[in-house]
Amino acid sequence: MTTVRTPDPPVAPEAAAGVRRRDRPAGRRRKSQPEAFAFLTPWLLGAVALTVGPMVVSLYLSFTDYDLFTSPKWVGFGNFAHMFTDDDRYLQSVKVTLIYVLVSVPLKLAVSLLVAMLLNTRRGGGGFYRAAFYAPSLLGASVAAALVWRALFMGGGPVNEVLASVGWHTPSWVDDPQFSLASIVLLGVWQFGAPMVIFLAGLKQIPAELHEAAAIDGAGAFRRFRHITLPMLSPVIFFNLVMEAIHAFQAFTPAFVIGGGRGGPADADLFYTLYLFEVGFQDFRMGYASAMAWVLLAVIAIVTAIVFRTAKLWVFYDDTGERS
């Protein structure tokens, strides 16, 4: 029996051209890869020369005794052992930094969330108030802001005068070990603009219908905040917590300016970064300073990992109540 082969249906010229056009992008992408790498080359060279390379050198120096003037001498883990056994000022810097992080970060987040909620309820002048509250964050770690803050809290300064007018007589905050760190914490909290703007953006994404339905069911303001605002805002809280914790561990300029560059009275303002700067650029103990820098990096990484690990217990990413 003879089999008759059915001819293929004719292909329209437009369809054939479409097939060819679909085949072109892959080849075009392959041809564009060298150009992409060419444009990335300056960034890659900068990353290797200014970031990766110095990090590798710093890691090597952390195991050496190096003072910028002589060749590095290998000491193994001697720098790390000295930190925790023979260096009382190092332990003091760790204590001061931990207190600063544990106090300033929650206060800063609480104040920024409170202000964001107040701005979220305003109908007029919101742009002006957002700009006004965000302005301190633009100053960031500027020396000028720290100098002004130091003048405010010095003996006979405006803060002492106001407190004296209400019957609370305090010494010079920047010269007293009991008050010096508190003045730096207040400076950190005062610069709440950046997390406030992020909180405000998150609050505007919460559907108003949820609050209206809860109010109809008899839920008060606190219950709505506890069961609606906080869960819906938890991803934003998580982001701000991570960022502000990292910034707090790296705080330097306020402690350097307010503490006079030497850690303040009785080392009350001896932040970790300040002591690292003192060891590396005043005492020229670059090997020890490199070891301190790597310990700080490890601590920040561990704290960040813990926050990420525990996020599944309290961070919600949708309105169904499902945790991360």
C-alpha atoms as a PDB file:
ATOM      1  CA  MET A   1       0.000   0.000   0.000  1.00  0.00           C
ATOM      2  CA  THR A   2       1.407   3.341  -1.002  1.00  0.00           C
ATOM      3  CA  THR A   3       1.668   5.987   1.739  1.00  0.00           C
ATOM      4  CA  VAL A   4       0.900   9.472   0.638  1.00  0.00           C
ATOM      5  CA  ARG A   5       2.933  12.139   2.466  1.00  0.00           C
ATOM      6  CA  THR A   6       0.894  15.138   3.447  1.00  0.00           C
ATOM      7  CA  PRO A   7       2.725  18.356   2.628  1.00  0.00           C
ATOM      8  CA  ASP A   8       3.492  20.723   5.463  1.00  0.00           C
ATOM      9  CA  PRO A   9       1.120  23.650   5.724  1.00  0.00           C
ATOM     10  CA  PRO A  10       2.467  26.830   4.271  1.00  0.00           C
ATOM     11  CA  VAL A  11       4.060  29.236   6.725  1.00  0.00           C
ATOM     12  CA  ALA A  12       3.136  32.838   6.413  1.00  0.00           C
ATOM     13  CA  PRO A  13       6.051  35.184   5.726  1.00  0.00           C
ATOM     14  CA  GLU A  14       5.178  37.203   8.820  1.00  0.00           C
ATOM     15  CA  ALA A  15       5.348  34.076  11.043  1.00  0.00           C
ATOM     16  CA  ALA A  16       8.667  33.029   9.560  1.00  0.00           C
ATOM     17  CA  ALA A  17      10.028  36.489  10.165  1.00  0.00           C
ATOM     18  CA  GLY A  18       8.739  36.286  13.732  1.00  0.00           C
ATOM     19  CA  VAL A  19      10.633  33.042  14.278  1.00  0.00           C
ATOM     20  CA  ARG A  20      13.788  34.632  13.005  1.00  0.00           C
ATOM     21  CA  ARG A  21      13.233  37.679  15.189  1.00  0.00           C
ATOM     22  CA  ARG A  22      12.784  35.455  18.242  1.00  0.00           C
ATOM     23  CA  ASP A  23      16.046  33.724  17.468  1.00  0.00           C
ATOM     24  CA  ARG A  24      17.964  36.963  17.283  1.00  0.00           C
ATOM     25  CA  PRO A  25      17.871  38.114  20.940  1.00  0.00           C
ATOM     26  CA  ALA A  26      19.840  35.107  22.200  1.00  0.00           C
ATOM     27  CA  GLY A  27      22.656  35.757  19.780  1.00  0.00           C
ATOM     28  CA  ARG A  28      22.422  39.433  20.440  1.00  0.00           C
ATOM     29  CA  ARG A  29      22.725  38.781  24.171  1.00  0.00           C
ATOM     30  CA  ARG A  30      25.798  36.635  23.567  1.00  0.00           C
ATOM     31  CA  LYS A  31      27.341  39.375  21.483  1.00  0.00           C
ATOM     32  CA  SER A  32      26.535  42.000  24.123  1.00  0.00           C
ATOM     33  CA  GLN A  33      28.287  40.136  26.962  1.00  0.00           C
ATOM     34  CA  PRO A  34      31.762  41.520  26.144  1.00  0.00           C
ATOM     35  CA  GLU A  35      30.348  45.035  26.093  1.00  0.00           C
ATOM     36  CA  ALA A  36      28.661  44.443  29.470  1.00  0.00           C
ATOM     37  CA  PHE A  37      31.912  43.208  31.006  1.00  0.00           C
ATOM     38  CA  ALA A  38      33.708  46.177  29.491  1.00  0.00           C
ATOM     39  CA  PHE A  39      31.331  48.570  31.245  1.00  0.00           C
ATOM     40  CA  LEU A  40      31.685  46.590  34.507  1.00  0.00           C
ATOM     41  CA  THR A  41      35.478  46.621  34.354  1.00  0.00           C
ATOM     42  CA  PRO A  42      35.949  49.978  36.167  1.00  0.00           C
ATOM     43  CA  TRP A  43      33.681  48.833  38.989  1.00  0.00           C
ATOM     44  CA  LEU A  44      35.387  45.442  39.218  1.00  0.00           C
ATOM     45  CA  LEU A  45      38.827  47.058  39.326  1.00  0.00           C
ATOM     46  CA  GLY A  46      37.651  49.481  42.022  1.00  0.00           C
ATOM     47  CA  ALA A  47      36.077  46.672  44.061  1.00  0.00           C
ATOM     48  CA  VAL A  48      39.252  44.588  43.926  1.00  0.00           C
ATOM     49  CA  ALA A  49      41.653  47.470  44.544  1.00  0.00           C
ATOM     50  CA  LEU A  50      39.629  49.394  47.139  1.00  0.00           C
ATOM     51  CA  THR A  51      37.539  46.746  48.913  1.00  0.00           C
ATOM     52  CA  VAL A  52      38.535  43.127  48.410  1.00  0.00           C
ATOM     53  CA  GLY A  53      42.288  43.784  48.353  1.00  0.00           C
ATOM     54  CA  PRO A  54      42.372  45.899  51.536  1.00  0.00           C
ATOM     55  CA  MET A  55      40.164  43.347  53.294  1.00  0.00           C
ATOM     56  CA  VAL A  56      42.569  40.517  52.470  1.00  0.00           C
ATOM     57  CA  VAL A  57      45.548  42.602  53.621  1.00  0.00           C
ATOM     58  CA  SER A  58      43.698  43.571  56.801  1.00  0.00           C
ATOM     59  CA  LEU A  59      42.925  39.922  57.521  1.00  0.00           C
ATOM     60  CA  TYR A  60      46.605  39.062  57.176  1.00  0.00           C
ATOM     61  CA  LEU A  61      47.685  41.996  59.362  1.00  0.00           C
ATOM     62  CA  SER A  62      45.253  40.929  62.097  1.00  0.00           C
ATOM     63  CA  PHE A  63      47.569  37.974  62.759  1.00  0.00           C
ATOM     64  CA  THR A  64      50.702  40.119  62.883  1.00  0.00           C
ATOM     65  CA  ASP A  65      52.420  42.767  64.963  1.00  0.00           C
ATOM     66  CA  TYR A  66      52.679  45.728  62.588  1.00  0.00           C
ATOM     67  CA  ASP A  67      53.376  49.396  63.325  1.00  0.00           C
ATOM     68  CA  LEU A  68      53.678  50.920  59.797  1.00  0.00           C
ATOM     69  CA  PHE A  69      57.439  51.375  60.189  1.00  0.00           C
ATOM     70  CA  THR A  70      58.723  47.810  60.411  1.00  0.00           C
ATOM     71  CA  SER A  71      57.864  44.606  58.613  1.00  0.00           C
ATOM     72  CA  PRO A  72      54.863  42.679  59.958  1.00  0.00           C
ATOM     73  CA  LYS A  73      55.772  40.023  62.503  1.00  0.00           C
ATOM     74  CA  TRP A  74      53.531  36.966  62.628  1.00  0.00           C
ATOM     75  CA  VAL A  75      51.926  36.475  66.050  1.00  0.00           C
ATOM     76  CA  GLY A  76      49.069  34.154  65.160  1.00  0.00           C
ATOM     77  CA  PHE A  77      46.070  34.624  67.423  1.00  0.00           C
ATOM     78  CA  GLY A  78      48.067  36.756  69.859  1.00  0.00           C
ATOM     79  CA  ASN A  79      46.156  39.951  69.023  1.00  0.00           C
ATOM     80  CA  PHE A  80      42.802  38.282  69.597  1.00  0.00           C
ATOM     81  CA  ALA A  81      43.932  36.700  72.854  1.00  0.00           C
ATOM     82  CA  HIS A  82      45.273  40.042  74.097  1.00  0.00           C
ATOM     83  CA  MET A  83      41.901  41.727  73.494  1.00  0.00           C
ATOM     84  CA  PHE A  84      39.949  39.580  75.891  1.00  0.00           C
ATOM     85  CA  THR A  85      42.615  38.882  78.514  1.00  0.00           C
ATOM     86  CA  ASP A  86      45.009  41.824  78.905  1.00  0.00           C
ATOM     87  CA  ASP A  87      43.302  44.925  77.467  1.00  0.00           C
ATOM     88  CA  ASP A  88      40.943  46.554  79.955  1.00  0.00           C
ATOM     89  CA  ARG A  89      40.241  49.502  77.653  1.00  0.00           C
ATOM     90  CA  TYR A  90      39.141  47.124  74.920  1.00  0.00           C
ATOM     91  CA  LEU A  91      36.636  45.500  77.274  1.00  0.00           C
ATOM     92  CA  GLN A  92      35.448  48.965  78.308  1.00  0.00           C
ATOM     93  CA  SER A  93      34.902  49.894  74.639  1.00  0.00           C
ATOM     94  CA  VAL A  94      32.861  46.726  74.140  1.00  0.00           C
ATOM     95  CA  LYS A  95      30.743  47.549  77.190  1.00  0.00           C
ATOM     96  CA  VAL A  96      30.125  51.150  76.127  1.00  0.00           C
ATOM     97  CA  THR A  97      29.234  50.161  72.567  1.00  0.00           C
ATOM     98  CA  LEU A  98      26.814  47.449  73.679  1.00  0.00           C
ATOM     99  CA  ILE A  99      25.063  49.864  76.036  1.00  0.00           C
ATOM    100  CA  TYR A 100      24.789  52.413  73.247  1.00  0.00           C
ATOM    101  CA  VAL A 101      23.339  49.872  70.801  1.00  0.00           C
ATOM    102  CA  LEU A 102      20.882  48.359  73.283  1.00  0.00           C
ATOM    103  CA  VAL A 103      19.590  51.764  74.418  1.00  0.00           C
ATOM    104  CA  SER A 104      19.767  54.003  71.358  1.00  0.00           C
ATOM    105  CA  VAL A 105      18.364  51.621  68.733  1.00  0.00           C
ATOM    106  CA  PRO A 106      15.048  50.799  70.504  1.00  0.00           C
ATOM    107  CA  LEU A 107      14.576  54.442  71.517  1.00  0.00           C
ATOM    108  CA  LYS A 108      15.283  55.666  67.993  1.00  0.00           C
ATOM    109  CA  LEU A 109      12.862  53.181  66.454  1.00  0.00           C
ATOM    110  CA  ALA A 110      10.157  54.004  69.011  1.00  0.00           C
ATOM    111  CA  VAL A 111      10.464  57.758  68.471  1.00  0.00           C
ATOM    112  CA  SER A 112      10.575  57.436  64.694  1.00  0.00           C
ATOM    113  CA  LEU A 113       7.484  55.193  64.689  1.00  0.00           C
ATOM    114  CA  LEU A 114       5.609  57.579  66.999  1.00  0.00           C
ATOM    115  CA  VAL A 115       6.386  60.592  64.822  1.00  0.00           C
ATOM    116  CA  ALA A 116       5.508  58.634  61.673  1.00  0.00           C
ATOM    117  CA  MET A 117       2.110  57.744  63.116  1.00  0.00           C
ATOM    118  CA  LEU A 118       1.478  61.377  64.034  1.00  0.00           C
ATOM    119  CA  LEU A 119       2.402  62.517  60.526  1.00  0.00           C
ATOM    120  CA  ASN A 120       0.244  59.782  59.022  1.00  0.00           C
ATOM    121  CA  THR A 121      -2.845  61.247  60.706  1.00  0.00           C
ATOM    122  CA  ARG A 122      -2.216  64.829  59.544  1.00  0.00           C
ATOM    123  CA  ARG A 123      -4.165  66.162  56.586  1.00  0.00           C
ATOM    124  CA  GLY A 124      -2.333  69.433  55.993  1.00  0.00           C
ATOM    125  CA  GLY A 125       1.299  70.470  56.064  1.00  0.00           C
ATOM    126  CA  GLY A 126       2.531  66.908  55.991  1.00  0.00           C
ATOM    127  CA  GLY A 127       5.304  67.652  53.526  1.00  0.00           C
ATOM    128  CA  PHE A 128       6.694  70.466  55.668  1.00  0.00           C
ATOM    129  CA  TYR A 129       6.730  68.377  58.833  1.00  0.00           C
ATOM    130  CA  ARG A 130       8.305  65.393  57.065  1.00  0.00           C
ATOM    131  CA  ALA A 131      11.098  67.610  55.776  1.00  0.00           C
ATOM    132  CA  ALA A 132      11.567  69.253  59.176  1.00  0.00           C
ATOM    133  CA  PHE A 133      11.808  65.949  61.038  1.00  0.00           C
ATOM    134  CA  TYR A 134      14.045  64.422  58.373  1.00  0.00           C
ATOM    135  CA  ALA A 135      16.514  67.336  58.392  1.00  0.00           C
ATOM    136  CA  PRO A 136      18.578  66.056  61.398  1.00  0.00           C
ATOM    137  CA  SER A 137      19.267  62.823  59.530  1.00  0.00           C
ATOM    138  CA  LEU A 138      20.740  64.794  56.646  1.00  0.00           C
ATOM    139  CA  LEU A 139      23.413  66.012  59.043  1.00  0.00           C
ATOM    140  CA  GLY A 140      24.191  62.365  59.814  1.00  0.00           C
ATOM    141  CA  ALA A 141      27.581  61.936  61.434  1.00  0.00           C
ATOM    142  CA  SER A 142      28.666  65.514  60.766  1.00  0.00           C
ATOM    143  CA  VAL A 143      31.186  67.145  63.054  1.00  0.00           C
ATOM    144  CA  ALA A 144      29.139  70.355  63.111  1.00  0.00           C
ATOM    145  CA  ALA A 145      26.100  68.613  64.622  1.00  0.00           C
ATOM    146  CA  ALA A 146      28.266  66.949  67.270  1.00  0.00           C
ATOM    147  CA  LEU A 147      29.915  70.266  68.152  1.00  0.00           C
ATOM    148  CA  VAL A 148      26.545  71.960  68.559  1.00  0.00           C
ATOM    149  CA  TRP A 149      25.337  69.056  70.667  1.00  0.00           C
ATOM    150  CA  ARG A 150      28.427  69.299  72.868  1.00  0.00           C
ATOM    151  CA  ALA A 151      27.789  73.021  73.395  1.00  0.00           C
ATOM    152  CA  LEU A 152      24.163  72.321  74.346  1.00  0.00           C
ATOM    153  CA  PHE A 153      25.125  69.825  77.055  1.00  0.00           C
ATOM    154  CA  MET A 154      28.211  71.524  78.484  1.00  0.00           C
ATOM    155  CA  GLY A 155      28.185  73.055  81.949  1.00  0.00           C
ATOM    156  CA  GLY A 156      26.115  76.252  81.839  1.00  0.00           C
ATOM    157  CA  GLY A 157      24.695  75.274  78.455  1.00  0.00           C
ATOM    158  CA  PRO A 158      21.043  75.576  77.398  1.00  0.00           C
ATOM    159  CA  VAL A 159      20.149  72.065  78.573  1.00  0.00           C
ATOM    160  CA  ASN A 160      21.482  72.634  82.074  1.00  0.00           C
ATOM    161  CA  GLU A 161      19.759  76.022  82.226  1.00  0.00           C
ATOM    162  CA  VAL A 162      16.383  74.536  81.281  1.00  0.00           C
ATOM    163  CA  LEU A 163      16.745  71.694  83.768  1.00  0.00           C
ATOM    164  CA  ALA A 164      17.838  74.114  86.509  1.00  0.00           C
ATOM    165  CA  SER A 165      14.704  76.202  85.881  1.00  0.00           C
ATOM    166  CA  VAL A 166      12.562  73.216  86.884  1.00  0.00           C
ATOM    167  CA  GLY A 167      14.697  72.384  89.912  1.00  0.00           C
ATOM    168  CA  TRP A 168      16.939  69.692  88.456  1.00  0.00           C
ATOM    169  CA  HIS A 169      20.558  70.752  88.817  1.00  0.00           C
ATOM    170  CA  THR A 170      22.910  68.595  86.765  1.00  0.00           C
ATOM    171  CA  PRO A 171      26.656  68.804  86.136  1.00  0.00           C
ATOM    172  CA  SER A 172      28.163  69.260  82.715  1.00  0.00           C
ATOM    173  CA  TRP A 173      26.855  66.274  80.776  1.00  0.00           C
ATOM    174  CA  VAL A 174      29.909  65.925  78.536  1.00  0.00           C
ATOM    175  CA  ASP A 175      32.311  66.038  81.516  1.00  0.00           C
ATOM    176  CA  ASP A 176      30.482  63.702  83.874  1.00  0.00           C
ATOM    177  CA  PRO A 177      30.891  59.906  83.467  1.00  0.00           C
ATOM    178  CA  GLN A 178      27.267  59.329  84.515  1.00  0.00           C
ATOM    179  CA  PHE A 179      25.766  61.664  81.897  1.00  0.00           C
ATOM    180  CA  SER A 180      28.274  61.712  79.043  1.00  0.00           C
ATOM    181  CA  LEU A 181      27.060  58.575  77.279  1.00  0.00           C
ATOM    182  CA  ALA A 182      23.443  59.663  77.734  1.00  0.00           C
ATOM    183  CA  SER A 183      24.135  62.825  75.727  1.00  0.00           C
ATOM    184  CA  ILE A 184      25.472  60.746  72.827  1.00  0.00           C
ATOM    185  CA  VAL A 185      22.456  58.445  73.008  1.00  0.00           C
ATOM    186  CA  LEU A 186      20.152  61.458  72.799  1.00  0.00           C
ATOM    187  CA  LEU A 187      22.061  62.695  69.763  1.00  0.00           C
ATOM    188  CA  GLY A 188      21.571  59.340  68.062  1.00  0.00           C
ATOM    189  CA  VAL A 189      17.859  59.305  68.879  1.00  0.00           C
ATOM    190  CA  TRP A 190      17.467  62.888  67.635  1.00  0.00           C
ATOM    191  CA  GLN A 191      18.579  61.761  64.163  1.00  0.00           C
ATOM    192  CA  PHE A 192      15.459  59.643  63.647  1.00  0.00           C
ATOM    193  CA  GLY A 193      14.477  61.062  60.259  1.00  0.00           C
ATOM    194  CA  ALA A 194      15.542  58.167  58.021  1.00  0.00           C
ATOM    195  CA  PRO A 195      13.641  55.380  59.835  1.00  0.00           C
ATOM    196  CA  MET A 196      10.702  57.764  60.299  1.00  0.00           C
ATOM    197  CA  VAL A 197      10.316  58.226  56.540  1.00  0.00           C
ATOM    198  CA  ILE A 198      10.465  54.458  56.010  1.00  0.00           C
ATOM    199  CA  PHE A 199       7.890  53.876  58.766  1.00  0.00           C
ATOM    200  CA  LEU A 200       5.631  56.514  57.225  1.00  0.00           C
ATOM    201  CA  ALA A 201       5.798  54.801  53.841  1.00  0.00           C
ATOM    202  CA  GLY A 202       4.895  51.500  55.490  1.00  0.00           C
ATOM    203  CA  LEU A 203       1.969  53.011  57.394  1.00  0.00           C
ATOM    204  CA  LYS A 204       0.470  54.355  54.180  1.00  0.00           C
ATOM    205  CA  GLN A 205       0.403  50.812  52.777  1.00  0.00           C
ATOM    206  CA  ILE A 206      -1.876  49.529  55.572  1.00  0.00           C
ATOM    207  CA  PRO A 207      -5.480  49.430  54.286  1.00  0.00           C
ATOM    208  CA  ALA A 208      -7.700  51.833  56.185  1.00  0.00           C
ATOM    209  CA  GLU A 209     -10.542  49.290  55.935  1.00  0.00           C
ATOM    210  CA  LEU A 210      -8.797  47.084  58.492  1.00  0.00           C
ATOM    211  CA  HIS A 211      -8.809  49.829  61.122  1.00  0.00           C
ATOM    212  CA  GLU A 212     -12.386  50.797  60.274  1.00  0.00           C
ATOM    213  CA  ALA A 213     -13.616  47.208  60.603  1.00  0.00           C
ATOM    214  CA  ALA A 214     -11.782  46.772  63.903  1.00  0.00           C
ATOM    215  CA  ALA A 215     -13.221  50.051  65.237  1.00  0.00           C
ATOM    216  CA  ILE A 216     -16.745  48.906  64.322  1.00  0.00           C
ATOM    217  CA  ASP A 217     -16.118  45.679  66.225  1.00  0.00           C
ATOM    218  CA  GLY A 218     -15.213  47.740  69.291  1.00  0.00           C
ATOM    219  CA  ALA A 219     -11.414  47.594  69.191  1.00  0.00           C
ATOM    220  CA  GLY A 220      -9.739  50.589  70.794  1.00  0.00           C
ATOM    221  CA  ALA A 221      -6.741  52.488  69.488  1.00  0.00           C
ATOM    222  CA  PHE A 222      -4.225  50.367  71.400  1.00  0.00           C
ATOM    223  CA  ARG A 223      -5.729  47.069  70.255  1.00  0.00           C
ATOM    224  CA  ARG A 224      -5.761  48.264  66.644  1.00  0.00           C
ATOM    225  CA  PHE A 225      -2.131  49.266  66.989  1.00  0.00           C
ATOM    226  CA  ARG A 226      -1.201  45.940  68.587  1.00  0.00           C
ATOM    227  CA  HIS A 227      -3.113  43.611  66.280  1.00  0.00           C
ATOM    228  CA  ILE A 228      -3.157  45.519  62.970  1.00  0.00           C
ATOM    229  CA  THR A 229      -0.455  48.177  62.740  1.00  0.00           C
ATOM    230  CA  LEU A 230       2.444  46.238  64.256  1.00  0.00           C
ATOM    231  CA  PRO A 231       1.898  42.975  62.305  1.00  0.00           C
ATOM    232  CA  MET A 232       1.386  44.824  59.020  1.00  0.00           C
ATOM    233  CA  LEU A 233       4.408  47.021  59.725  1.00  0.00           C
ATOM    234  CA  SER A 234       6.676  44.186  60.895  1.00  0.00           C
ATOM    235  CA  PRO A 235       8.722  43.942  57.635  1.00  0.00           C
ATOM    236  CA  VAL A 236       9.507  47.658  57.903  1.00  0.00           C
ATOM    237  CA  ILE A 237      10.404  47.285  61.583  1.00  0.00           C
ATOM    238  CA  PHE A 238      12.682  44.395  60.655  1.00  0.00           C
ATOM    239  CA  PHE A 239      14.469  46.453  57.997  1.00  0.00           C
ATOM    240  CA  ASN A 240      14.922  49.484  60.261  1.00  0.00           C
ATOM    241  CA  LEU A 241      16.118  47.294  63.133  1.00  0.00           C
ATOM    242  CA  VAL A 242      18.858  45.711  61.037  1.00  0.00           C
ATOM    243  CA  MET A 243      20.025  48.994  59.521  1.00  0.00           C
ATOM    244  CA  GLU A 244      20.001  50.973  62.755  1.00  0.00           C
ATOM    245  CA  ALA A 245      21.799  48.231  64.680  1.00  0.00           C
ATOM    246  CA  ILE A 246      24.584  48.185  62.088  1.00  0.00           C
ATOM    247  CA  HIS A 247      24.852  51.983  62.176  1.00  0.00           C
ATOM    248  CA  ALA A 248      24.949  51.988  65.984  1.00  0.00           C
ATOM    249  CA  PHE A 249      27.830  49.503  66.098  1.00  0.00           C
ATOM    250  CA  GLN A 250      29.744  51.741  63.669  1.00  0.00           C
ATOM    251  CA  ALA A 251      29.088  55.052  65.475  1.00  0.00           C
ATOM    252  CA  PHE A 252      32.236  57.148  65.665  1.00  0.00           C
ATOM    253  CA  THR A 253      31.923  60.906  65.067  1.00  0.00           C
ATOM    254  CA  PRO A 254      29.643  61.773  68.039  1.00  0.00           C
ATOM    255  CA  ALA A 255      31.868  59.857  70.444  1.00  0.00           C
ATOM    256  CA  PHE A 256      35.023  61.415  68.991  1.00  0.00           C
ATOM    257  CA  VAL A 257      33.751  65.012  69.153  1.00  0.00           C
ATOM    258  CA  ILE A 258      31.743  64.919  72.377  1.00  0.00           C
ATOM    259  CA  GLY A 259      34.292  62.729  74.165  1.00  0.00           C
ATOM    260  CA  GLY A 260      37.212  64.919  73.124  1.00  0.00           C
ATOM    261  CA  GLY A 261      38.788  62.215  70.973  1.00  0.00           C
ATOM    262  CA  ARG A 262      40.031  60.174  73.970  1.00  0.00           C
ATOM    263  CA  GLY A 263      36.908  58.421  75.196  1.00  0.00           C
ATOM    264  CA  GLY A 264      35.465  61.119  77.425  1.00  0.00           C
ATOM    265  CA  PRO A 265      35.623  61.223  81.232  1.00  0.00           C
ATOM    266  CA  ALA A 266      36.814  57.901  82.677  1.00  0.00           C
ATOM    267  CA  ASP A 267      36.415  56.323  79.225  1.00  0.00           C
ATOM    268  CA  ALA A 268      32.657  56.695  79.506  1.00  0.00           C
ATOM    269  CA  ASP A 269      32.466  57.488  75.763  1.00  0.00           C
ATOM    270  CA  LEU A 270      35.081  54.994  74.589  1.00  0.00           C
ATOM    271  CA  PHE A 271      33.184  53.506  71.676  1.00  0.00           C
ATOM    272  CA  TYR A 272      34.608  50.467  69.909  1.00  0.00           C
ATOM    273  CA  THR A 273      35.325  52.391  66.713  1.00  0.00           C
ATOM    274  CA  LEU A 274      36.912  55.212  68.671  1.00  0.00           C
ATOM    275  CA  TYR A 275      39.297  52.842  70.432  1.00  0.00           C
ATOM    276  CA  LEU A 276      40.052  51.158  67.108  1.00  0.00           C
ATOM    277  CA  PHE A 277      40.934  54.558  65.629  1.00  0.00           C
ATOM    278  CA  GLU A 278      43.113  55.363  68.627  1.00  0.00           C
ATOM    279  CA  VAL A 279      44.987  52.067  68.438  1.00  0.00           C
ATOM    280  CA  GLY A 280      45.506  52.190  64.683  1.00  0.00           C
ATOM    281  CA  PHE A 281      46.110  55.859  63.884  1.00  0.00           C
ATOM    282  CA  GLN A 282      47.491  57.257  67.137  1.00  0.00           C
ATOM    283  CA  ASP A 283      49.442  54.313  68.536  1.00  0.00           C
ATOM    284  CA  PHE A 284      50.204  52.879  65.047  1.00  0.00           C
ATOM    285  CA  ARG A 285      49.386  49.332  66.161  1.00  0.00           C
ATOM    286  CA  MET A 286      47.898  48.381  62.822  1.00  0.00           C
ATOM    287  CA  GLY A 287      47.982  44.649  63.430  1.00  0.00           C
ATOM    288  CA  TYR A 288      45.958  44.981  66.632  1.00  0.00           C
ATOM    289  CA  ALA A 289      43.576  47.474  65.004  1.00  0.00           C
ATOM    290  CA  SER A 290      43.001  45.079  62.095  1.00  0.00           C
ATOM    291  CA  ALA A 291      42.140  42.308  64.534  1.00  0.00           C
ATOM    292  CA  MET A 292      39.682  44.627  66.288  1.00  0.00           C
ATOM    293  CA  ALA A 293      38.079  45.492  62.934  1.00  0.00           C
ATOM    294  CA  TRP A 294      37.537  41.842  62.079  1.00  0.00           C
ATOM    295  CA  VAL A 295      36.018  41.142  65.488  1.00  0.00           C
ATOM    296  CA  LEU A 296      33.600  44.024  64.920  1.00  0.00           C
ATOM    297  CA  LEU A 297      32.693  42.640  61.508  1.00  0.00           C
ATOM    298  CA  ALA A 298      32.070  39.212  63.009  1.00  0.00           C
ATOM    299  CA  VAL A 299      29.873  40.654  65.774  1.00  0.00           C
ATOM    300  CA  ILE A 300      27.785  42.665  63.297  1.00  0.00           C
ATOM    301  CA  ALA A 301      27.392  39.585  61.107  1.00  0.00           C
ATOM    302  CA  ILE A 302      26.315  37.443  64.087  1.00  0.00           C
ATOM    303  CA  VAL A 303      23.807  40.025  65.330  1.00  0.00           C
ATOM    304  CA  THR A 304      22.369  40.424  61.839  1.00  0.00           C
ATOM    305  CA  ALA A 305      22.120  36.645  61.430  1.00  0.00           C
ATOM    306  CA  ILE A 306      20.296  36.350  64.761  1.00  0.00           C
ATOM    307  CA  VAL A 307      17.793  39.012  63.740  1.00  0.00           C
ATOM    308  CA  PHE A 308      17.208  37.263  60.410  1.00  0.00           C
ATOM    309  CA  ARG A 309      16.890  33.913  62.142  1.00  0.00           C
ATOM    310  CA  THR A 310      14.297  35.142  64.633  1.00  0.00           C
ATOM    311  CA  ALA A 311      12.371  37.129  62.009  1.00  0.00           C
ATOM    312  CA  LYS A 312      10.171  34.124  61.256  1.00  0.00           C
ATOM    313  CA  LEU A 313       8.707  34.462  64.759  1.00  0.00           C
ATOM    314  CA  TRP A 314       7.434  38.021  64.398  1.00  0.00           C
ATOM    315  CA  VAL A 315       7.683  39.297  60.798  1.00  0.00           C
ATOM    316  CA  PHE A 316       4.588  39.042  58.566  1.00  0.00           C
ATOM    317  CA  TYR A 317       4.844  39.626  54.842  1.00  0.00           C
ATOM    318  CA  ASP A 318       1.174  39.669  53.845  1.00  0.00           C
ATOM    319  CA  ASP A 319      -2.291  40.351  55.262  1.00  0.00           C
ATOM    320  CA  THR A 320      -3.085  36.669  55.792  1.00  0.00           C
ATOM    321  CA  GLY A 321      -1.095  36.414  59.022  1.00  0.00           C
ATOM    322  CA  GLU A 322       1.578  34.213  57.474  1.00  0.00           C
ATOM    323  CA  ARG A 323       5.006  34.714  58.964  1.00  0.00           C
ATOM    324  CA  SER A 324       8.210  34.933  56.971  1.00  0.00           C
END
